[in-house]
Amino acid sequence: AHPDLYEVLDDVVVDSPRDVVYIEPTVPQKQPR
């Protein structure tokens, strides 16, 4: 119904939803002056 809202990560289809994997955003490293 909404293919433009999601990026498919795994083509494997499962019968029940798995646990959510939370990804922490990375903090950009400061470049030396």
PDB file of all heavy atoms in Angstrom:
ATOM      1  N   ALA A   1       0.813  -1.211   0.000  1.00  0.00           N
ATOM      2  CA  ALA A   1       0.000   0.000   0.000  1.00  0.00           C
ATOM      3  C   ALA A   1       0.853   1.270   0.000  1.00  0.00           C
ATOM      4  O   ALA A   1       0.435   2.304  -0.534  1.00  0.00           O
ATOM      5  CB  ALA A   1      -0.930  -0.006   1.207  1.00  0.00           C
ATOM      6  N   HIS A   2       2.041   1.214   0.617  1.00  0.00           N
ATOM      7  CA  HIS A   2       2.913   2.396   0.737  1.00  0.00           C
ATOM      8  C   HIS A   2       4.362   2.048   0.411  1.00  0.00           C
ATOM      9  O   HIS A   2       5.246   2.209   1.264  1.00  0.00           O
ATOM     10  CB  HIS A   2       2.821   2.967   2.151  1.00  0.00           C
ATOM     11  CG  HIS A   2       1.432   3.303   2.574  1.00  0.00           C
ATOM     12  ND1 HIS A   2       0.749   4.400   2.115  1.00  0.00           N
ATOM     13  CD2 HIS A   2       0.580   2.650   3.408  1.00  0.00           C
ATOM     14  CE1 HIS A   2      -0.453   4.426   2.639  1.00  0.00           C
ATOM     15  NE2 HIS A   2      -0.589   3.373   3.424  1.00  0.00           N
ATOM     16  N   PRO A   3       4.656   1.624  -0.806  1.00  0.00           N
ATOM     17  CA  PRO A   3       6.041   1.221  -1.110  1.00  0.00           C
ATOM     18  C   PRO A   3       7.034   2.377  -1.070  1.00  0.00           C
ATOM     19  O   PRO A   3       8.226   2.155  -0.875  1.00  0.00           O
ATOM     20  CB  PRO A   3       5.938   0.638  -2.522  1.00  0.00           C
ATOM     21  CG  PRO A   3       4.736   1.300  -3.110  1.00  0.00           C
ATOM     22  CD  PRO A   3       3.788   1.522  -1.963  1.00  0.00           C
ATOM     23  N   ASP A   4       6.559   3.610  -1.204  1.00  0.00           N
ATOM     24  CA  ASP A   4       7.456   4.762  -1.193  1.00  0.00           C
ATOM     25  C   ASP A   4       7.895   5.148   0.222  1.00  0.00           C
ATOM     26  O   ASP A   4       8.843   5.912   0.394  1.00  0.00           O
ATOM     27  CB  ASP A   4       6.789   5.964  -1.855  1.00  0.00           C
ATOM     28  CG  ASP A   4       5.437   6.305  -1.234  1.00  0.00           C
ATOM     29  OD1 ASP A   4       4.717   5.371  -0.845  1.00  0.00           O
ATOM     30  OD2 ASP A   4       5.115   7.503  -1.148  1.00  0.00           O
ATOM     31  N   LEU A   5       7.254   4.603   1.259  1.00  0.00           N
ATOM     32  CA  LEU A   5       7.600   4.944   2.634  1.00  0.00           C
ATOM     33  C   LEU A   5       8.648   4.036   3.252  1.00  0.00           C
ATOM     34  O   LEU A   5       9.207   4.367   4.304  1.00  0.00           O
ATOM     35  CB  LEU A   5       6.349   4.892   3.520  1.00  0.00           C
ATOM     36  CG  LEU A   5       5.240   5.882   3.191  1.00  0.00           C
ATOM     37  CD1 LEU A   5       4.073   5.692   4.155  1.00  0.00           C
ATOM     38  CD2 LEU A   5       5.748   7.312   3.244  1.00  0.00           C
ATOM     39  N   TYR A   6       8.911   2.882   2.621  1.00  0.00           N
ATOM     40  CA  TYR A   6       9.782   1.879   3.239  1.00  0.00           C
ATOM     41  C   TYR A   6      10.868   1.407   2.281  1.00  0.00           C
ATOM     42  O   TYR A   6      10.662   1.311   1.084  1.00  0.00           O
ATOM     43  CB  TYR A   6       8.963   0.663   3.693  1.00  0.00           C
ATOM     44  CG  TYR A   6       7.856   1.020   4.643  1.00  0.00           C
ATOM     45  CD1 TYR A   6       6.538   1.080   4.217  1.00  0.00           C
ATOM     46  CD2 TYR A   6       8.130   1.313   5.970  1.00  0.00           C
ATOM     47  CE1 TYR A   6       5.512   1.428   5.087  1.00  0.00           C
ATOM     48  CE2 TYR A   6       7.121   1.654   6.853  1.00  0.00           C
ATOM     49  CZ  TYR A   6       5.818   1.711   6.405  1.00  0.00           C
ATOM     50  OH  TYR A   6       4.811   2.051   7.269  1.00  0.00           O
ATOM     51  N   GLU A   7      12.012   1.108   2.852  1.00  0.00           N
ATOM     52  CA  GLU A   7      13.115   0.487   2.115  1.00  0.00           C
ATOM     53  C   GLU A   7      13.204  -0.964   2.594  1.00  0.00           C
ATOM     54  O   GLU A   7      13.370  -1.217   3.790  1.00  0.00           O
ATOM     55  CB  GLU A   7      14.416   1.221   2.419  1.00  0.00           C
ATOM     56  CG  GLU A   7      15.630   0.585   1.790  1.00  0.00           C
ATOM     57  CD  GLU A   7      16.914   1.272   2.233  1.00  0.00           C
ATOM     58  OE1 GLU A   7      16.868   2.330   2.865  1.00  0.00           O
ATOM     59  OE2 GLU A   7      17.984   0.698   1.942  1.00  0.00           O
ATOM     60  N   VAL A   8      13.061  -1.897   1.665  1.00  0.00           N
ATOM     61  CA  VAL A   8      13.110  -3.322   2.013  1.00  0.00           C
ATOM     62  C   VAL A   8      14.563  -3.703   2.292  1.00  0.00           C
ATOM     63  O   VAL A   8      15.450  -3.480   1.473  1.00  0.00           O
ATOM     64  CB  VAL A   8      12.523  -4.189   0.880  1.00  0.00           C
ATOM     65  CG1 VAL A   8      12.674  -5.665   1.206  1.00  0.00           C
ATOM     66  CG2 VAL A   8      11.055  -3.846   0.656  1.00  0.00           C
ATOM     67  N   LEU A   9      14.796  -4.285   3.463  1.00  0.00           N
ATOM     68  CA  LEU A   9      16.146  -4.672   3.870  1.00  0.00           C
ATOM     69  C   LEU A   9      16.404  -6.157   3.694  1.00  0.00           C
ATOM     70  O   LEU A   9      17.555  -6.571   3.564  1.00  0.00           O
ATOM     71  CB  LEU A   9      16.376  -4.300   5.336  1.00  0.00           C
ATOM     72  CG  LEU A   9      16.237  -2.812   5.663  1.00  0.00           C
ATOM     73  CD1 LEU A   9      16.359  -2.591   7.161  1.00  0.00           C
ATOM     74  CD2 LEU A   9      17.268  -2.003   4.920  1.00  0.00           C
ATOM     75  N   ASP A  10      15.341  -6.952   3.729  1.00  0.00           N
ATOM     76  CA  ASP A  10      15.487  -8.402   3.659  1.00  0.00           C
ATOM     77  C   ASP A  10      14.334  -8.956   2.834  1.00  0.00           C
ATOM     78  O   ASP A  10      13.170  -8.714   3.147  1.00  0.00           O
ATOM     79  CB  ASP A  10      15.460  -8.982   5.077  1.00  0.00           C
ATOM     80  CG  ASP A  10      15.818 -10.449   5.126  1.00  0.00           C
ATOM     81  OD1 ASP A  10      16.038 -11.048   4.053  1.00  0.00           O
ATOM     82  OD2 ASP A  10      15.886 -11.003   6.234  1.00  0.00           O
ATOM     83  N   ASP A  11      14.641  -9.664   1.762  1.00  0.00           N
ATOM     84  CA  ASP A  11      13.608 -10.222   0.897  1.00  0.00           C
ATOM     85  C   ASP A  11      12.927 -11.450   1.494  1.00  0.00           C
ATOM     86  O   ASP A  11      11.942 -11.933   0.956  1.00  0.00           O
ATOM     87  CB  ASP A  11      14.198 -10.581  -0.478  1.00  0.00           C
ATOM     88  CG  ASP A  11      14.568  -9.333  -1.274  1.00  0.00           C
ATOM     89  OD1 ASP A  11      13.916  -8.291  -1.081  1.00  0.00           O
ATOM     90  OD2 ASP A  11      15.506  -9.411  -2.079  1.00  0.00           O
ATOM     91  N   VAL A  12      13.427 -11.943   2.621  1.00  0.00           N
ATOM     92  CA  VAL A  12      12.842 -13.118   3.255  1.00  0.00           C
ATOM     93  C   VAL A  12      11.524 -12.720   3.910  1.00  0.00           C
ATOM     94  O   VAL A  12      11.455 -11.761   4.686  1.00  0.00           O
ATOM     95  CB  VAL A  12      13.800 -13.703   4.311  1.00  0.00           C
ATOM     96  CG1 VAL A  12      13.158 -14.858   5.047  1.00  0.00           C
ATOM     97  CG2 VAL A  12      15.093 -14.141   3.658  1.00  0.00           C
ATOM     98  N   VAL A  13      10.458 -13.435   3.595  1.00  0.00           N
ATOM     99  CA  VAL A  13       9.144 -13.191   4.182  1.00  0.00           C
ATOM    100  C   VAL A  13       8.969 -14.141   5.356  1.00  0.00           C
ATOM    101  O   VAL A  13       9.253 -15.329   5.253  1.00  0.00           O
ATOM    102  CB  VAL A  13       8.038 -13.405   3.112  1.00  0.00           C
ATOM    103  CG1 VAL A  13       6.667 -13.248   3.721  1.00  0.00           C
ATOM    104  CG2 VAL A  13       8.233 -12.449   1.948  1.00  0.00           C
ATOM    105  N   VAL A  14       8.523 -13.602   6.506  1.00  0.00           N
ATOM    106  CA  VAL A  14       8.327 -14.407   7.710  1.00  0.00           C
ATOM    107  C   VAL A  14       6.856 -14.377   8.121  1.00  0.00           C
ATOM    108  O   VAL A  14       6.107 -13.487   7.730  1.00  0.00           O
ATOM    109  CB  VAL A  14       9.218 -13.910   8.875  1.00  0.00           C
ATOM    110  CG1 VAL A  14      10.690 -14.083   8.535  1.00  0.00           C
ATOM    111  CG2 VAL A  14       8.934 -12.463   9.199  1.00  0.00           C
ATOM    112  N   ASP A  15       6.443 -15.365   8.915  1.00  0.00           N
ATOM    113  CA  ASP A  15       5.036 -15.481   9.318  1.00  0.00           C
ATOM    114  C   ASP A  15       4.657 -14.568  10.475  1.00  0.00           C
ATOM    115  O   ASP A  15       3.491 -14.189  10.605  1.00  0.00           O
ATOM    116  CB  ASP A  15       4.716 -16.931   9.689  1.00  0.00           C
ATOM    117  CG  ASP A  15       4.751 -17.843   8.465  1.00  0.00           C
ATOM    118  OD1 ASP A  15       4.411 -17.363   7.366  1.00  0.00           O
ATOM    119  OD2 ASP A  15       5.118 -19.019   8.620  1.00  0.00           O
ATOM    120  N   SER A  16       5.596 -14.224  11.336  1.00  0.00           N
ATOM    121  CA  SER A  16       5.294 -13.333  12.456  1.00  0.00           C
ATOM    122  C   SER A  16       6.407 -12.282  12.566  1.00  0.00           C
ATOM    123  O   SER A  16       7.558 -12.554  12.226  1.00  0.00           O
ATOM    124  CB  SER A  16       5.174 -14.124  13.755  1.00  0.00           C
ATOM    125  OG  SER A  16       6.372 -14.783  14.050  1.00  0.00           O
ATOM    126  N   PRO A  17       6.070 -11.079  13.026  1.00  0.00           N
ATOM    127  CA  PRO A  17       7.086 -10.022  13.088  1.00  0.00           C
ATOM    128  C   PRO A  17       8.172 -10.333  14.103  1.00  0.00           C
ATOM    129  O   PRO A  17       7.921 -10.892  15.165  1.00  0.00           O
ATOM    130  CB  PRO A  17       6.289  -8.784  13.508  1.00  0.00           C
ATOM    131  CG  PRO A  17       5.028  -9.286  14.085  1.00  0.00           C
ATOM    132  CD  PRO A  17       4.768 -10.630  13.479  1.00  0.00           C
ATOM    133  N   ARG A  18       9.384  -9.982  13.750  1.00  0.00           N
ATOM    134  CA  ARG A  18      10.536 -10.152  14.634  1.00  0.00           C
ATOM    135  C   ARG A  18      10.723  -8.897  15.478  1.00  0.00           C
ATOM    136  O   ARG A  18      10.050  -7.887  15.268  1.00  0.00           O
ATOM    137  CB  ARG A  18      11.786 -10.423  13.791  1.00  0.00           C
ATOM    138  CG  ARG A  18      11.675 -11.731  12.987  1.00  0.00           C
ATOM    139  CD  ARG A  18      12.721 -11.808  11.921  1.00  0.00           C
ATOM    140  NE  ARG A  18      12.336 -10.920  10.802  1.00  0.00           N
ATOM    141  CZ  ARG A  18      12.940 -10.893   9.631  1.00  0.00           C
ATOM    142  NH1 ARG A  18      13.988 -11.664   9.417  1.00  0.00           N
ATOM    143  NH2 ARG A  18      12.536 -10.091   8.685  1.00  0.00           N
ATOM    144  N   ASP A  19      11.641  -8.954  16.422  1.00  0.00           N
ATOM    145  CA  ASP A  19      11.925  -7.801  17.275  1.00  0.00           C
ATOM    146  C   ASP A  19      12.490  -6.654  16.440  1.00  0.00           C
ATOM    147  O   ASP A  19      13.195  -6.860  15.452  1.00  0.00           O
ATOM    148  CB  ASP A  19      12.940  -8.161  18.355  1.00  0.00           C
ATOM    149  CG  ASP A  19      12.368  -9.117  19.395  1.00  0.00           C
ATOM    150  OD1 ASP A  19      11.114  -9.177  19.524  1.00  0.00           O
ATOM    151  OD2 ASP A  19      13.157  -9.793  20.056  1.00  0.00           O
ATOM    152  N   VAL A  20      12.197  -5.441  16.891  1.00  0.00           N
ATOM    153  CA  VAL A  20      12.739  -4.247  16.249  1.00  0.00           C
ATOM    154  C   VAL A  20      14.218  -4.140  16.581  1.00  0.00           C
ATOM    155  O   VAL A  20      14.640  -4.426  17.703  1.00  0.00           O
ATOM    156  CB  VAL A  20      11.993  -2.990  16.747  1.00  0.00           C
ATOM    157  CG1 VAL A  20      12.613  -1.724  16.186  1.00  0.00           C
ATOM    158  CG2 VAL A  20      10.518  -3.062  16.387  1.00  0.00           C
ATOM    159  N   VAL A  21      15.015  -3.727  15.596  1.00  0.00           N
ATOM    160  CA  VAL A  21      16.439  -3.463  15.809  1.00  0.00           C
ATOM    161  C   VAL A  21      16.607  -1.951  15.810  1.00  0.00           C
ATOM    162  O   VAL A  21      16.358  -1.289  14.801  1.00  0.00           O
ATOM    163  CB  VAL A  21      17.304  -4.098  14.699  1.00  0.00           C
ATOM    164  CG1 VAL A  21      18.765  -3.726  14.888  1.00  0.00           C
ATOM    165  CG2 VAL A  21      17.115  -5.594  14.664  1.00  0.00           C
ATOM    166  N   TYR A  22      16.966  -1.407  16.977  1.00  0.00           N
ATOM    167  CA  TYR A  22      17.157   0.034  17.096  1.00  0.00           C
ATOM    168  C   TYR A  22      18.595   0.388  16.760  1.00  0.00           C
ATOM    169  O   TYR A  22      19.528  -0.178  17.309  1.00  0.00           O
ATOM    170  CB  TYR A  22      16.823   0.505  18.520  1.00  0.00           C
ATOM    171  CG  TYR A  22      15.355   0.332  18.848  1.00  0.00           C
ATOM    172  CD1 TYR A  22      14.910  -0.771  19.578  1.00  0.00           C
ATOM    173  CD2 TYR A  22      14.427   1.270  18.415  1.00  0.00           C
ATOM    174  CE1 TYR A  22      13.560  -0.929  19.872  1.00  0.00           C
ATOM    175  CE2 TYR A  22      13.081   1.115  18.699  1.00  0.00           C
ATOM    176  CZ  TYR A  22      12.651   0.014  19.428  1.00  0.00           C
ATOM    177  OH  TYR A  22      11.327  -0.144  19.706  1.00  0.00           O
ATOM    178  N   ILE A  23      18.753   1.328  15.855  1.00  0.00           N
ATOM    179  CA  ILE A  23      20.071   1.772  15.421  1.00  0.00           C
ATOM    180  C   ILE A  23      20.320   3.148  16.028  1.00  0.00           C
ATOM    181  O   ILE A  23      19.555   4.082  15.805  1.00  0.00           O
ATOM    182  CB  ILE A  23      20.155   1.860  13.879  1.00  0.00           C
ATOM    183  CG1 ILE A  23      19.698   0.566  13.224  1.00  0.00           C
ATOM    184  CG2 ILE A  23      21.541   2.289  13.431  1.00  0.00           C
ATOM    185  CD1 ILE A  23      20.559  -0.630  13.504  1.00  0.00           C
ATOM    186  N   GLU A  24      21.379   3.281  16.803  1.00  0.00           N
ATOM    187  CA  GLU A  24      21.735   4.569  17.390  1.00  0.00           C
ATOM    188  C   GLU A  24      22.390   5.438  16.316  1.00  0.00           C
ATOM    189  O   GLU A  24      23.257   4.969  15.575  1.00  0.00           O
ATOM    190  CB  GLU A  24      22.716   4.380  18.550  1.00  0.00           C
ATOM    191  CG  GLU A  24      22.110   3.697  19.752  1.00  0.00           C
ATOM    192  CD  GLU A  24      21.072   4.553  20.449  1.00  0.00           C
ATOM    193  OE1 GLU A  24      21.222   5.791  20.472  1.00  0.00           O
ATOM    194  OE2 GLU A  24      20.105   3.976  20.955  1.00  0.00           O
ATOM    195  N   PRO A  25      21.988   6.705  16.222  1.00  0.00           N
ATOM    196  CA  PRO A  25      22.642   7.579  15.248  1.00  0.00           C
ATOM    197  C   PRO A  25      24.101   7.795  15.624  1.00  0.00           C
ATOM    198  O   PRO A  25      24.438   7.859  16.808  1.00  0.00           O
ATOM    199  CB  PRO A  25      21.854   8.886  15.329  1.00  0.00           C
ATOM    200  CG  PRO A  25      21.102   8.825  16.605  1.00  0.00           C
ATOM    201  CD  PRO A  25      20.963   7.383  16.989  1.00  0.00           C
ATOM    202  N   THR A  26      24.936   7.883  14.629  1.00  0.00           N
ATOM    203  CA  THR A  26      26.357   8.097  14.892  1.00  0.00           C
ATOM    204  C   THR A  26      26.631   9.590  15.010  1.00  0.00           C
ATOM    205  O   THR A  26      26.033  10.405  14.316  1.00  0.00           O
ATOM    206  CB  THR A  26      27.227   7.514  13.775  1.00  0.00           C
ATOM    207  OG1 THR A  26      26.839   8.112  12.535  1.00  0.00           O
ATOM    208  CG2 THR A  26      27.063   6.013  13.684  1.00  0.00           C
ATOM    209  N   VAL A  27      27.522   9.938  15.901  1.00  0.00           N
ATOM    210  CA  VAL A  27      27.923  11.324  16.081  1.00  0.00           C
ATOM    211  C   VAL A  27      29.141  11.551  15.196  1.00  0.00           C
ATOM    212  O   VAL A  27      30.128  10.822  15.294  1.00  0.00           O
ATOM    213  CB  VAL A  27      28.261  11.610  17.554  1.00  0.00           C
ATOM    214  CG1 VAL A  27      28.734  13.035  17.741  1.00  0.00           C
ATOM    215  CG2 VAL A  27      27.063  11.297  18.431  1.00  0.00           C
ATOM    216  N   PRO A  28      29.072  12.563  14.320  1.00  0.00           N
ATOM    217  CA  PRO A  28      30.231  12.800  13.460  1.00  0.00           C
ATOM    218  C   PRO A  28      31.466  13.174  14.275  1.00  0.00           C
ATOM    219  O   PRO A  28      31.376  13.901  15.258  1.00  0.00           O
ATOM    220  CB  PRO A  28      29.809  13.960  12.558  1.00  0.00           C
ATOM    221  CG  PRO A  28      28.579  14.529  13.162  1.00  0.00           C
ATOM    222  CD  PRO A  28      28.016  13.517  14.110  1.00  0.00           C
ATOM    223  N   GLN A  29      32.597  12.642  13.871  1.00  0.00           N
ATOM    224  CA  GLN A  29      33.850  12.935  14.547  1.00  0.00           C
ATOM    225  C   GLN A  29      34.305  14.335  14.172  1.00  0.00           C
ATOM    226  O   GLN A  29      34.198  14.754  13.030  1.00  0.00           O
ATOM    227  CB  GLN A  29      34.931  11.930  14.132  1.00  0.00           C
ATOM    228  CG  GLN A  29      34.607  10.507  14.508  1.00  0.00           C
ATOM    229  CD  GLN A  29      34.646  10.319  16.009  1.00  0.00           C
ATOM    230  OE1 GLN A  29      35.462  10.920  16.692  1.00  0.00           O
ATOM    231  NE2 GLN A  29      33.755   9.486  16.526  1.00  0.00           N
ATOM    232  N   LYS A  30      34.822  15.068  15.154  1.00  0.00           N
ATOM    233  CA  LYS A  30      35.337  16.404  14.869  1.00  0.00           C
ATOM    234  C   LYS A  30      36.671  16.274  14.149  1.00  0.00           C
ATOM    235  O   LYS A  30      37.525  15.490  14.545  1.00  0.00           O
ATOM    236  CB  LYS A  30      35.522  17.197  16.150  1.00  0.00           C
ATOM    237  CG  LYS A  30      34.217  17.588  16.793  1.00  0.00           C
ATOM    238  CD  LYS A  30      34.462  18.464  17.996  1.00  0.00           C
ATOM    239  CE  LYS A  30      33.155  18.889  18.609  1.00  0.00           C
ATOM    240  NZ  LYS A  30      33.360  19.770  19.767  1.00  0.00           N
ATOM    241  N   GLN A  31      36.819  17.060  13.102  1.00  0.00           N
ATOM    242  CA  GLN A  31      38.067  17.060  12.361  1.00  0.00           C
ATOM    243  C   GLN A  31      39.053  17.988  13.073  1.00  0.00           C
ATOM    244  O   GLN A  31      38.670  19.036  13.585  1.00  0.00           O
ATOM    245  CB  GLN A  31      37.839  17.566  10.931  1.00  0.00           C
ATOM    246  CG  GLN A  31      36.915  16.685  10.119  1.00  0.00           C
ATOM    247  CD  GLN A  31      37.515  15.313   9.879  1.00  0.00           C
ATOM    248  OE1 GLN A  31      38.717  15.157   9.745  1.00  0.00           O
ATOM    249  NE2 GLN A  31      36.661  14.303   9.851  1.00  0.00           N
ATOM    250  N   PRO A  32      40.326  17.616  13.116  1.00  0.00           N
ATOM    251  CA  PRO A  32      41.309  18.507  13.742  1.00  0.00           C
ATOM    252  C   PRO A  32      41.403  19.813  12.964  1.00  0.00           C
ATOM    253  O   PRO A  32      41.264  19.825  11.740  1.00  0.00           O
ATOM    254  CB  PRO A  32      42.616  17.712  13.679  1.00  0.00           C
ATOM    255  CG  PRO A  32      42.397  16.667  12.654  1.00  0.00           C
ATOM    256  CD  PRO A  32      40.913  16.413  12.586  1.00  0.00           C
ATOM    257  N   ARG A  33      41.595  20.894  13.691  1.00  0.00           N
ATOM    258  CA  ARG A  33      41.702  22.193  13.026  1.00  0.00           C
ATOM    259  C   ARG A  33      43.003  22.266  12.233  1.00  0.00           C
ATOM    260  O   ARG A  33      44.052  21.827  12.684  1.00  0.00           O
ATOM    261  CB  ARG A  33      41.714  23.314  14.049  1.00  0.00           C
ATOM    262  CG  ARG A  33      40.402  23.517  14.724  1.00  0.00           C
ATOM    263  CD  ARG A  33      40.515  24.674  15.671  1.00  0.00           C
ATOM    264  NE  ARG A  33      39.506  25.649  15.325  1.00  0.00           N
ATOM    265  CZ  ARG A  33      39.491  26.880  15.752  1.00  0.00           C
ATOM    266  NH1 ARG A  33      40.471  27.316  16.509  1.00  0.00           N
ATOM    267  NH2 ARG A  33      38.536  27.695  15.417  1.00  0.00           N
TER     268      ARG A  33
END
